[in-house]
Amino acid sequence: MRVRDLVPTYLEYARSADGASPARRSELWRSRYLDRHPDVFAAALDRAGEWSSGDDLPAVLDQLTENRADLSRRAARLRIELPDAVRSVAGALGWADDRDPIECVTLVGLHRANGWADRLDGRYALFLAVEQLGDLAEERLLVHHETAHVVHDRLATIRDWPEHGVAASLLAEGLATEVTTETVPGLSDEAYLWFHRPGYEPWLAECRTRWEEIIDRIIADLDATDLDRNAPYFLMRDLPDGGDLPKRCGYLVGLRLVRELRRHYPLPEIARWDLDRAVPELRRALGAVAVAA
């Protein structure tokens, strides 16, 4: 794999912004940080201007007050941990190509996400925002989960799937979660589904209690590709019709579906399916898992 560490560039920005006005800090954020890595920000992360502008940018930059040495330590720790994570995930999904390394970008973000997979140079790369990391157990699960998305993209070009497709999200998130259960074994389902954050046993219990209702909703929405139909299952948003399903319940459904599919197919085969192959299998698996949470 290849790791690109943008934290040193952030630290240069932070030193230059010490004592500056809010407007000046925003200018320096762009000129001393974002503009130094145009392929990451201008071409990838900042396509909609979310990183470089907005009324909330000065306030968000004020939040970036972590100990700067700690940010560097987190980035250094990731550089040590990432190769083993990539090897484990690649092995679980049966992918190996030394000529095509996984790229990971460690950076300081805007307190909006801790890790994600996104396009970089035409394919998925792994992005990790060190200001959001710190809990080692959570970090380990996050890295394995998001790495699984990147490897999945190598196998099935999932970056071209509908961004808000319900079927696409069920397979991609279910696969990433199941891979994490195998590469970091021995934890509870809620640990894998919420990256080891405590307090989600009641969420899992509610999902199980309302399982039939959740499955009925997802069956009805399986072919949907719009944000309003996807968000109730995978984001912290309610259903458009005012329903109140447990937030992010689609992650649990996706995990159950991939486990059902695994009864018939190995993970490396599932990871290579396109959506034409996957959707009928997901529909069959929804029928199989409907009877038990």
C-alpha atoms as a PDB file:
ATOM      1  CA  MET A   1       0.000   0.000   0.000  1.00  0.00           C
ATOM      2  CA  ARG A   2       0.982   3.648  -0.232  1.00  0.00           C
ATOM      3  CA  VAL A   3       0.339   6.202   2.543  1.00  0.00           C
ATOM      4  CA  ARG A   4       0.240   9.936   1.902  1.00  0.00           C
ATOM      5  CA  ASP A   5       0.430  11.943   5.116  1.00  0.00           C
ATOM      6  CA  LEU A   6      -0.968  15.485   4.855  1.00  0.00           C
ATOM      7  CA  VAL A   7      -0.649  16.185   8.574  1.00  0.00           C
ATOM      8  CA  PRO A   8       2.722  17.974   8.216  1.00  0.00           C
ATOM      9  CA  THR A   9       1.128  20.373   5.717  1.00  0.00           C
ATOM     10  CA  TYR A  10      -1.722  20.982   8.152  1.00  0.00           C
ATOM     11  CA  LEU A  11       0.789  21.773  10.900  1.00  0.00           C
ATOM     12  CA  GLU A  12       2.435  24.350   8.638  1.00  0.00           C
ATOM     13  CA  TYR A  13      -0.970  25.953   8.137  1.00  0.00           C
ATOM     14  CA  ALA A  14      -1.699  25.866  11.878  1.00  0.00           C
ATOM     15  CA  ARG A  15       1.565  27.633  12.733  1.00  0.00           C
ATOM     16  CA  SER A  16       0.896  30.319  10.140  1.00  0.00           C
ATOM     17  CA  ALA A  17      -2.667  30.794  11.441  1.00  0.00           C
ATOM     18  CA  ASP A  18      -1.718  31.305  15.090  1.00  0.00           C
ATOM     19  CA  GLY A  19      -3.195  34.636  16.191  1.00  0.00           C
ATOM     20  CA  ALA A  20      -4.813  35.324  12.821  1.00  0.00           C
ATOM     21  CA  SER A  21      -8.351  36.659  12.443  1.00  0.00           C
ATOM     22  CA  PRO A  22     -11.120  34.211  11.501  1.00  0.00           C
ATOM     23  CA  ALA A  23     -11.185  35.480   7.925  1.00  0.00           C
ATOM     24  CA  ARG A  24      -7.414  35.194   7.634  1.00  0.00           C
ATOM     25  CA  ARG A  25      -7.452  31.658   9.070  1.00  0.00           C
ATOM     26  CA  SER A  26      -9.934  30.649   6.360  1.00  0.00           C
ATOM     27  CA  GLU A  27      -7.672  32.150   3.691  1.00  0.00           C
ATOM     28  CA  LEU A  28      -4.636  30.352   5.079  1.00  0.00           C
ATOM     29  CA  TRP A  29      -6.569  27.091   5.328  1.00  0.00           C
ATOM     30  CA  ARG A  30      -7.041  27.279   1.588  1.00  0.00           C
ATOM     31  CA  SER A  31      -3.648  28.631   0.553  1.00  0.00           C
ATOM     32  CA  ARG A  32      -1.394  26.799   3.048  1.00  0.00           C
ATOM     33  CA  TYR A  33      -3.248  23.485   3.245  1.00  0.00           C
ATOM     34  CA  LEU A  34      -5.881  22.722   0.609  1.00  0.00           C
ATOM     35  CA  ASP A  35      -4.034  24.332  -2.296  1.00  0.00           C
ATOM     36  CA  ARG A  36      -0.865  22.363  -1.470  1.00  0.00           C
ATOM     37  CA  HIS A  37      -2.657  19.115  -2.376  1.00  0.00           C
ATOM     38  CA  PRO A  38      -4.966  19.936  -5.303  1.00  0.00           C
ATOM     39  CA  ASP A  39      -5.346  16.309  -6.392  1.00  0.00           C
ATOM     40  CA  VAL A  40      -6.756  15.434  -2.963  1.00  0.00           C
ATOM     41  CA  PHE A  41      -8.864  18.490  -2.263  1.00  0.00           C
ATOM     42  CA  ALA A  42      -9.769  20.306  -5.475  1.00  0.00           C
ATOM     43  CA  ALA A  43     -10.122  17.141  -7.545  1.00  0.00           C
ATOM     44  CA  ALA A  44     -11.573  14.850  -4.877  1.00  0.00           C
ATOM     45  CA  LEU A  45     -12.729  16.014  -1.452  1.00  0.00           C
ATOM     46  CA  ASP A  46     -13.622  19.637  -2.182  1.00  0.00           C
ATOM     47  CA  ARG A  47     -15.593  19.205  -5.392  1.00  0.00           C
ATOM     48  CA  ALA A  48     -18.641  20.877  -3.801  1.00  0.00           C
ATOM     49  CA  GLY A  49     -16.681  23.490  -1.848  1.00  0.00           C
ATOM     50  CA  GLU A  50     -17.414  21.891   1.510  1.00  0.00           C
ATOM     51  CA  TRP A  51     -13.788  22.072   2.636  1.00  0.00           C
ATOM     52  CA  SER A  52     -12.861  25.536   1.356  1.00  0.00           C
ATOM     53  CA  SER A  53     -15.911  27.709   1.966  1.00  0.00           C
ATOM     54  CA  GLY A  54     -19.128  28.059   3.913  1.00  0.00           C
ATOM     55  CA  ASP A  55     -20.379  30.242   6.725  1.00  0.00           C
ATOM     56  CA  ASP A  56     -19.344  27.667   9.308  1.00  0.00           C
ATOM     57  CA  LEU A  57     -15.733  27.303   8.163  1.00  0.00           C
ATOM     58  CA  PRO A  58     -14.199  29.810  10.654  1.00  0.00           C
ATOM     59  CA  ALA A  59     -16.023  28.171  13.561  1.00  0.00           C
ATOM     60  CA  VAL A  60     -14.983  24.697  12.420  1.00  0.00           C
ATOM     61  CA  LEU A  61     -11.351  25.785  12.119  1.00  0.00           C
ATOM     62  CA  ASP A  62     -11.589  27.054  15.701  1.00  0.00           C
ATOM     63  CA  GLN A  63     -12.388  23.500  16.791  1.00  0.00           C
ATOM     64  CA  LEU A  64      -9.080  22.238  15.439  1.00  0.00           C
ATOM     65  CA  THR A  65      -7.312  22.876  18.710  1.00  0.00           C
ATOM     66  CA  GLU A  66      -5.962  19.405  19.412  1.00  0.00           C
ATOM     67  CA  ASN A  67      -2.426  19.038  20.632  1.00  0.00           C
ATOM     68  CA  ARG A  68      -0.442  19.200  17.406  1.00  0.00           C
ATOM     69  CA  ALA A  69       2.091  16.652  18.558  1.00  0.00           C
ATOM     70  CA  ASP A  70      -0.809  14.269  19.221  1.00  0.00           C
ATOM     71  CA  LEU A  71      -2.037  14.667  15.640  1.00  0.00           C
ATOM     72  CA  SER A  72       1.420  13.706  14.405  1.00  0.00           C
ATOM     73  CA  ARG A  73       1.493  10.687  16.724  1.00  0.00           C
ATOM     74  CA  ARG A  74      -1.874   9.497  15.420  1.00  0.00           C
ATOM     75  CA  ALA A  75      -0.679   9.758  11.821  1.00  0.00           C
ATOM     76  CA  ALA A  76       2.522   7.880  12.675  1.00  0.00           C
ATOM     77  CA  ARG A  77       0.529   5.139  14.405  1.00  0.00           C
ATOM     78  CA  LEU A  78      -1.663   4.743  11.342  1.00  0.00           C
ATOM     79  CA  ARG A  79       1.356   4.330   9.095  1.00  0.00           C
ATOM     80  CA  ILE A  80       2.370   1.379  11.260  1.00  0.00           C
ATOM     81  CA  GLU A  81      -1.105  -0.173  11.492  1.00  0.00           C
ATOM     82  CA  LEU A  82      -2.302   0.228   7.913  1.00  0.00           C
ATOM     83  CA  PRO A  83      -0.155  -2.399   6.125  1.00  0.00           C
ATOM     84  CA  ASP A  84      -1.400  -5.215   8.365  1.00  0.00           C
ATOM     85  CA  ALA A  85      -5.011  -4.048   7.973  1.00  0.00           C
ATOM     86  CA  VAL A  86      -4.721  -3.963   4.196  1.00  0.00           C
ATOM     87  CA  ARG A  87      -3.121  -7.405   4.087  1.00  0.00           C
ATOM     88  CA  SER A  88      -5.861  -8.868   6.290  1.00  0.00           C
ATOM     89  CA  VAL A  89      -8.718  -7.367   4.304  1.00  0.00           C
ATOM     90  CA  ALA A  90      -7.156  -8.196   0.929  1.00  0.00           C
ATOM     91  CA  GLY A  91      -6.679 -11.780   2.073  1.00  0.00           C
ATOM     92  CA  ALA A  92     -10.293 -12.079   3.233  1.00  0.00           C
ATOM     93  CA  LEU A  93     -11.538 -10.858  -0.152  1.00  0.00           C
ATOM     94  CA  GLY A  94      -9.026 -12.759  -2.243  1.00  0.00           C
ATOM     95  CA  TRP A  95      -7.400  -9.719  -3.814  1.00  0.00           C
ATOM     96  CA  ALA A  96      -3.680  -9.377  -4.472  1.00  0.00           C
ATOM     97  CA  ASP A  97      -1.932  -7.096  -6.933  1.00  0.00           C
ATOM     98  CA  ASP A  98       1.424  -5.695  -5.895  1.00  0.00           C
ATOM     99  CA  ARG A  99       1.418  -3.503  -8.991  1.00  0.00           C
ATOM    100  CA  ASP A 100      -1.773  -1.737  -7.873  1.00  0.00           C
ATOM    101  CA  PRO A 101      -1.261  -0.573  -4.286  1.00  0.00           C
ATOM    102  CA  ILE A 102      -4.067   0.674  -2.073  1.00  0.00           C
ATOM    103  CA  GLU A 103      -3.626   4.371  -1.407  1.00  0.00           C
ATOM    104  CA  CYS A 104      -4.385   5.867   1.991  1.00  0.00           C
ATOM    105  CA  VAL A 105      -4.440   9.577   2.766  1.00  0.00           C
ATOM    106  CA  THR A 106      -4.036  10.631   6.403  1.00  0.00           C
ATOM    107  CA  LEU A 107      -5.125  14.208   6.955  1.00  0.00           C
ATOM    108  CA  VAL A 108      -6.675  16.724   9.305  1.00  0.00           C
ATOM    109  CA  GLY A 109     -10.313  17.195   8.387  1.00  0.00           C
ATOM    110  CA  LEU A 110     -13.186  19.349   9.584  1.00  0.00           C
ATOM    111  CA  HIS A 111     -14.580  17.173  12.389  1.00  0.00           C
ATOM    112  CA  ARG A 112     -17.204  15.821   9.966  1.00  0.00           C
ATOM    113  CA  ALA A 113     -16.022  12.238   9.467  1.00  0.00           C
ATOM    114  CA  ASN A 114     -13.323   9.971  10.829  1.00  0.00           C
ATOM    115  CA  GLY A 115     -12.731   7.732   7.833  1.00  0.00           C
ATOM    116  CA  TRP A 116     -14.202   7.046   4.434  1.00  0.00           C
ATOM    117  CA  ALA A 117     -13.534   5.704   0.944  1.00  0.00           C
ATOM    118  CA  ASP A 118     -13.697   8.176  -1.932  1.00  0.00           C
ATOM    119  CA  ARG A 119     -12.385   8.716  -5.419  1.00  0.00           C
ATOM    120  CA  LEU A 120      -8.776   9.677  -5.905  1.00  0.00           C
ATOM    121  CA  ASP A 121      -7.072   9.520  -9.299  1.00  0.00           C
ATOM    122  CA  GLY A 122     -10.033   7.666 -10.761  1.00  0.00           C
ATOM    123  CA  ARG A 123     -10.517   4.963  -8.121  1.00  0.00           C
ATOM    124  CA  TYR A 124     -11.298   4.573  -4.453  1.00  0.00           C
ATOM    125  CA  ALA A 125      -8.710   5.472  -1.855  1.00  0.00           C
ATOM    126  CA  LEU A 126      -8.888   5.349   1.934  1.00  0.00           C
ATOM    127  CA  PHE A 127      -9.085   8.672   3.811  1.00  0.00           C
ATOM    128  CA  LEU A 128      -8.494   8.927   7.565  1.00  0.00           C
ATOM    129  CA  ALA A 129      -9.006  12.179   9.482  1.00  0.00           C
ATOM    130  CA  VAL A 130      -6.681  12.068  12.481  1.00  0.00           C
ATOM    131  CA  GLU A 131      -8.472  14.789  14.454  1.00  0.00           C
ATOM    132  CA  GLN A 132     -11.410  12.371  14.779  1.00  0.00           C
ATOM    133  CA  LEU A 133      -9.333   9.402  15.881  1.00  0.00           C
ATOM    134  CA  GLY A 134      -7.906   8.517  19.248  1.00  0.00           C
ATOM    135  CA  ASP A 135      -9.737   5.462  20.569  1.00  0.00           C
ATOM    136  CA  LEU A 136      -7.558   2.573  19.416  1.00  0.00           C
ATOM    137  CA  ALA A 137     -10.326  -0.040  19.363  1.00  0.00           C
ATOM    138  CA  GLU A 138     -12.635   2.209  17.322  1.00  0.00           C
ATOM    139  CA  GLU A 139      -9.783   3.148  14.996  1.00  0.00           C
ATOM    140  CA  ARG A 140      -8.904  -0.456  14.251  1.00  0.00           C
ATOM    141  CA  LEU A 141     -12.470  -1.365  13.259  1.00  0.00           C
ATOM    142  CA  LEU A 142     -12.825   1.795  11.199  1.00  0.00           C
ATOM    143  CA  VAL A 143      -9.622   1.139   9.250  1.00  0.00           C
ATOM    144  CA  HIS A 144     -10.597  -2.445   8.434  1.00  0.00           C
ATOM    145  CA  HIS A 145     -14.148  -1.461   7.443  1.00  0.00           C
ATOM    146  CA  GLU A 146     -13.129   1.375   5.127  1.00  0.00           C
ATOM    147  CA  THR A 147     -10.251  -0.632   3.664  1.00  0.00           C
ATOM    148  CA  ALA A 148     -12.812  -3.287   2.747  1.00  0.00           C
ATOM    149  CA  HIS A 149     -14.677  -0.677   0.679  1.00  0.00           C
ATOM    150  CA  VAL A 150     -11.483   0.221  -1.178  1.00  0.00           C
ATOM    151  CA  VAL A 151     -10.633  -3.422  -1.925  1.00  0.00           C
ATOM    152  CA  HIS A 152     -14.262  -4.051  -2.907  1.00  0.00           C
ATOM    153  CA  ASP A 153     -13.907  -1.222  -5.419  1.00  0.00           C
ATOM    154  CA  ARG A 154     -10.827  -2.903  -6.896  1.00  0.00           C
ATOM    155  CA  LEU A 155     -12.874  -6.058  -7.425  1.00  0.00           C
ATOM    156  CA  ALA A 156     -16.254  -4.688  -8.550  1.00  0.00           C
ATOM    157  CA  THR A 157     -15.767  -0.949  -9.339  1.00  0.00           C
ATOM    158  CA  ILE A 158     -18.346   0.005  -6.719  1.00  0.00           C
ATOM    159  CA  ARG A 159     -17.483   3.694  -7.225  1.00  0.00           C
ATOM    160  CA  ASP A 160     -19.712   3.501 -10.302  1.00  0.00           C
ATOM    161  CA  TRP A 161     -22.697   2.081  -8.409  1.00  0.00           C
ATOM    162  CA  PRO A 162     -25.576   4.496  -7.603  1.00  0.00           C
ATOM    163  CA  GLU A 163     -24.365   6.674  -4.740  1.00  0.00           C
ATOM    164  CA  HIS A 164     -27.672   6.344  -2.892  1.00  0.00           C
ATOM    165  CA  GLY A 165     -28.742   2.940  -4.146  1.00  0.00           C
ATOM    166  CA  VAL A 166     -30.364   0.917  -1.375  1.00  0.00           C
ATOM    167  CA  ALA A 167     -29.238  -2.411  -2.860  1.00  0.00           C
ATOM    168  CA  ALA A 168     -25.721  -1.074  -3.469  1.00  0.00           C
ATOM    169  CA  SER A 169     -25.455   0.185   0.115  1.00  0.00           C
ATOM    170  CA  LEU A 170     -26.755  -3.060   1.590  1.00  0.00           C
ATOM    171  CA  LEU A 171     -24.128  -5.112  -0.216  1.00  0.00           C
ATOM    172  CA  ALA A 172     -21.217  -2.683   0.211  1.00  0.00           C
ATOM    173  CA  GLU A 173     -21.813  -1.977   3.914  1.00  0.00           C
ATOM    174  CA  GLY A 174     -22.748  -5.551   4.724  1.00  0.00           C
ATOM    175  CA  LEU A 175     -19.618  -6.863   3.034  1.00  0.00           C
ATOM    176  CA  ALA A 176     -17.339  -4.324   4.756  1.00  0.00           C
ATOM    177  CA  THR A 177     -18.841  -5.137   8.148  1.00  0.00           C
ATOM    178  CA  GLU A 178     -18.608  -8.895   7.644  1.00  0.00           C
ATOM    179  CA  VAL A 179     -14.974  -8.606   6.516  1.00  0.00           C
ATOM    180  CA  THR A 180     -14.247  -6.658   9.699  1.00  0.00           C
ATOM    181  CA  THR A 181     -15.810  -9.386  11.837  1.00  0.00           C
ATOM    182  CA  GLU A 182     -13.390 -11.859  10.266  1.00  0.00           C
ATOM    183  CA  THR A 183     -10.247  -9.747  10.345  1.00  0.00           C
ATOM    184  CA  VAL A 184     -10.865  -8.351  13.866  1.00  0.00           C
ATOM    185  CA  PRO A 185     -12.753 -11.266  15.454  1.00  0.00           C
ATOM    186  CA  GLY A 186     -14.347 -11.760  18.838  1.00  0.00           C
ATOM    187  CA  LEU A 187     -16.587  -8.711  19.282  1.00  0.00           C
ATOM    188  CA  SER A 188     -20.338  -8.195  19.431  1.00  0.00           C
ATOM    189  CA  ASP A 189     -22.387  -7.156  16.402  1.00  0.00           C
ATOM    190  CA  GLU A 190     -23.044  -3.696  17.807  1.00  0.00           C
ATOM    191  CA  ALA A 191     -19.282  -3.174  18.168  1.00  0.00           C
ATOM    192  CA  TYR A 192     -18.738  -3.826  14.461  1.00  0.00           C
ATOM    193  CA  LEU A 193     -21.787  -1.793  13.436  1.00  0.00           C
ATOM    194  CA  TRP A 194     -20.896   1.237  15.589  1.00  0.00           C
ATOM    195  CA  PHE A 195     -17.079   0.972  15.552  1.00  0.00           C
ATOM    196  CA  HIS A 196     -16.799  -0.097  19.186  1.00  0.00           C
ATOM    197  CA  ARG A 197     -18.626   2.930  20.567  1.00  0.00           C
ATOM    198  CA  PRO A 198     -20.446   1.939  23.759  1.00  0.00           C
ATOM    199  CA  GLY A 199     -24.160   2.147  24.456  1.00  0.00           C
ATOM    200  CA  TYR A 200     -25.698   0.618  21.344  1.00  0.00           C
ATOM    201  CA  GLU A 201     -27.162  -2.531  22.873  1.00  0.00           C
ATOM    202  CA  PRO A 202     -30.609  -0.817  23.050  1.00  0.00           C
ATOM    203  CA  TRP A 203     -30.322   0.077  19.348  1.00  0.00           C
ATOM    204  CA  LEU A 204     -29.627  -3.542  18.445  1.00  0.00           C
ATOM    205  CA  ALA A 205     -32.486  -4.719  20.641  1.00  0.00           C
ATOM    206  CA  GLU A 206     -34.899  -2.307  18.918  1.00  0.00           C
ATOM    207  CA  CYS A 207     -33.754  -3.473  15.487  1.00  0.00           C
ATOM    208  CA  ARG A 208     -34.449  -7.063  16.476  1.00  0.00           C
ATOM    209  CA  THR A 209     -37.857  -6.187  17.927  1.00  0.00           C
ATOM    210  CA  ARG A 210     -38.870  -4.334  14.751  1.00  0.00           C
ATOM    211  CA  TRP A 211     -37.102  -6.675  12.338  1.00  0.00           C
ATOM    212  CA  GLU A 212     -40.156  -7.624  10.259  1.00  0.00           C
ATOM    213  CA  GLU A 213     -41.082  -3.964   9.766  1.00  0.00           C
ATOM    214  CA  ILE A 214     -37.514  -3.060   8.760  1.00  0.00           C
ATOM    215  CA  ILE A 215     -37.278  -5.889   6.244  1.00  0.00           C
ATOM    216  CA  ASP A 216     -40.671  -5.005   4.711  1.00  0.00           C
ATOM    217  CA  ARG A 217     -39.533  -1.412   4.229  1.00  0.00           C
ATOM    218  CA  ILE A 218     -36.237  -2.416   2.657  1.00  0.00           C
ATOM    219  CA  ILE A 219     -37.883  -4.887   0.294  1.00  0.00           C
ATOM    220  CA  ALA A 220     -40.131  -2.053  -0.912  1.00  0.00           C
ATOM    221  CA  ASP A 221     -37.134   0.275  -1.346  1.00  0.00           C
ATOM    222  CA  LEU A 222     -34.573  -2.192  -2.669  1.00  0.00           C
ATOM    223  CA  ASP A 223     -34.460  -0.679  -6.168  1.00  0.00           C
ATOM    224  CA  ALA A 224     -34.490   2.949  -4.964  1.00  0.00           C
ATOM    225  CA  THR A 225     -31.482   5.146  -5.791  1.00  0.00           C
ATOM    226  CA  ASP A 226     -32.494   8.508  -4.275  1.00  0.00           C
ATOM    227  CA  LEU A 227     -31.123  10.006  -1.070  1.00  0.00           C
ATOM    228  CA  ASP A 228     -34.487  10.278   0.700  1.00  0.00           C
ATOM    229  CA  ARG A 229     -35.121   6.554   0.339  1.00  0.00           C
ATOM    230  CA  ASN A 230     -31.545   5.564   1.232  1.00  0.00           C
ATOM    231  CA  ALA A 231     -30.893   7.891   4.163  1.00  0.00           C
ATOM    232  CA  PRO A 232     -33.249   6.324   6.742  1.00  0.00           C
ATOM    233  CA  TYR A 233     -31.323   3.059   6.508  1.00  0.00           C
ATOM    234  CA  PHE A 234     -27.761   4.351   6.290  1.00  0.00           C
ATOM    235  CA  LEU A 235     -27.703   7.917   7.676  1.00  0.00           C
ATOM    236  CA  MET A 236     -29.083   9.608  10.776  1.00  0.00           C
ATOM    237  CA  ARG A 237     -32.316  10.647   9.051  1.00  0.00           C
ATOM    238  CA  ASP A 238     -35.987   9.701   9.278  1.00  0.00           C
ATOM    239  CA  LEU A 239     -38.093   8.199   6.527  1.00  0.00           C
ATOM    240  CA  PRO A 240     -39.762  10.717   4.153  1.00  0.00           C
ATOM    241  CA  ASP A 241     -43.219   9.600   5.317  1.00  0.00           C
ATOM    242  CA  GLY A 242     -42.401  10.301   8.953  1.00  0.00           C
ATOM    243  CA  GLY A 243     -41.478   6.748   9.899  1.00  0.00           C
ATOM    244  CA  ASP A 244     -39.198   6.216  12.855  1.00  0.00           C
ATOM    245  CA  LEU A 245     -37.122   3.141  12.088  1.00  0.00           C
ATOM    246  CA  PRO A 246     -33.877   2.831  14.089  1.00  0.00           C
ATOM    247  CA  LYS A 247     -31.236   5.020  12.462  1.00  0.00           C
ATOM    248  CA  ARG A 248     -28.674   3.170  10.314  1.00  0.00           C
ATOM    249  CA  CYS A 249     -30.619  -0.086  10.596  1.00  0.00           C
ATOM    250  CA  GLY A 250     -29.542  -0.825   7.013  1.00  0.00           C
ATOM    251  CA  TYR A 251     -26.068  -1.682   8.289  1.00  0.00           C
ATOM    252  CA  LEU A 252     -27.487  -4.505  10.396  1.00  0.00           C
ATOM    253  CA  VAL A 253     -29.642  -5.717   7.511  1.00  0.00           C
ATOM    254  CA  GLY A 254     -26.640  -5.609   5.169  1.00  0.00           C
ATOM    255  CA  LEU A 255     -24.586  -7.661   7.626  1.00  0.00           C
ATOM    256  CA  ARG A 256     -27.352 -10.261   7.961  1.00  0.00           C
ATOM    257  CA  LEU A 257     -27.734 -10.426   4.171  1.00  0.00           C
ATOM    258  CA  VAL A 258     -24.031 -10.992   3.550  1.00  0.00           C
ATOM    259  CA  ARG A 259     -23.976 -13.693   6.205  1.00  0.00           C
ATOM    260  CA  GLU A 260     -26.911 -15.362   4.464  1.00  0.00           C
ATOM    261  CA  LEU A 261     -25.168 -15.077   1.093  1.00  0.00           C
ATOM    262  CA  ARG A 262     -22.038 -16.602   2.633  1.00  0.00           C
ATOM    263  CA  ARG A 263     -23.975 -19.783   3.261  1.00  0.00           C
ATOM    264  CA  HIS A 264     -23.992 -20.261  -0.513  1.00  0.00           C
ATOM    265  CA  TYR A 265     -20.987 -18.308  -1.870  1.00  0.00           C
ATOM    266  CA  PRO A 266     -17.484 -17.432  -0.611  1.00  0.00           C
ATOM    267  CA  LEU A 267     -16.799 -13.795   0.226  1.00  0.00           C
ATOM    268  CA  PRO A 268     -14.296 -13.305  -2.640  1.00  0.00           C
ATOM    269  CA  GLU A 269     -17.001 -14.333  -5.112  1.00  0.00           C
ATOM    270  CA  ILE A 270     -19.631 -12.049  -3.566  1.00  0.00           C
ATOM    271  CA  ALA A 271     -17.134  -9.173  -3.657  1.00  0.00           C
ATOM    272  CA  ARG A 272     -16.814  -9.531  -7.431  1.00  0.00           C
ATOM    273  CA  TRP A 273     -20.530  -9.337  -8.229  1.00  0.00           C
ATOM    274  CA  ASP A 274     -21.917  -6.451 -10.229  1.00  0.00           C
ATOM    275  CA  LEU A 275     -25.353  -5.136  -9.283  1.00  0.00           C
ATOM    276  CA  ASP A 276     -27.124  -7.146 -11.980  1.00  0.00           C
ATOM    277  CA  ARG A 277     -25.817 -10.250 -10.250  1.00  0.00           C
ATOM    278  CA  ALA A 278     -26.221  -8.946  -6.724  1.00  0.00           C
ATOM    279  CA  VAL A 279     -29.773  -7.577  -6.656  1.00  0.00           C
ATOM    280  CA  PRO A 280     -31.590 -10.897  -7.293  1.00  0.00           C
ATOM    281  CA  GLU A 281     -29.387 -12.540  -4.668  1.00  0.00           C
ATOM    282  CA  LEU A 282     -30.137  -9.774  -2.174  1.00  0.00           C
ATOM    283  CA  ARG A 283     -33.861 -10.113  -2.859  1.00  0.00           C
ATOM    284  CA  ARG A 284     -33.690 -13.858  -2.187  1.00  0.00           C
ATOM    285  CA  ALA A 285     -31.601 -13.304   0.946  1.00  0.00           C
ATOM    286  CA  LEU A 286     -34.109 -10.727   2.253  1.00  0.00           C
ATOM    287  CA  GLY A 287     -36.752 -13.408   2.131  1.00  0.00           C
ATOM    288  CA  ALA A 288     -34.479 -15.797   3.990  1.00  0.00           C
ATOM    289  CA  VAL A 289     -33.574 -13.364   6.787  1.00  0.00           C
ATOM    290  CA  ALA A 290     -37.072 -11.934   7.188  1.00  0.00           C
ATOM    291  CA  VAL A 291     -38.018 -14.567   9.740  1.00  0.00           C
ATOM    292  CA  ALA A 292     -35.203 -13.912  12.222  1.00  0.00           C
ATOM    293  CA  ALA A 293     -33.087 -10.957  13.346  1.00  0.00           C
END
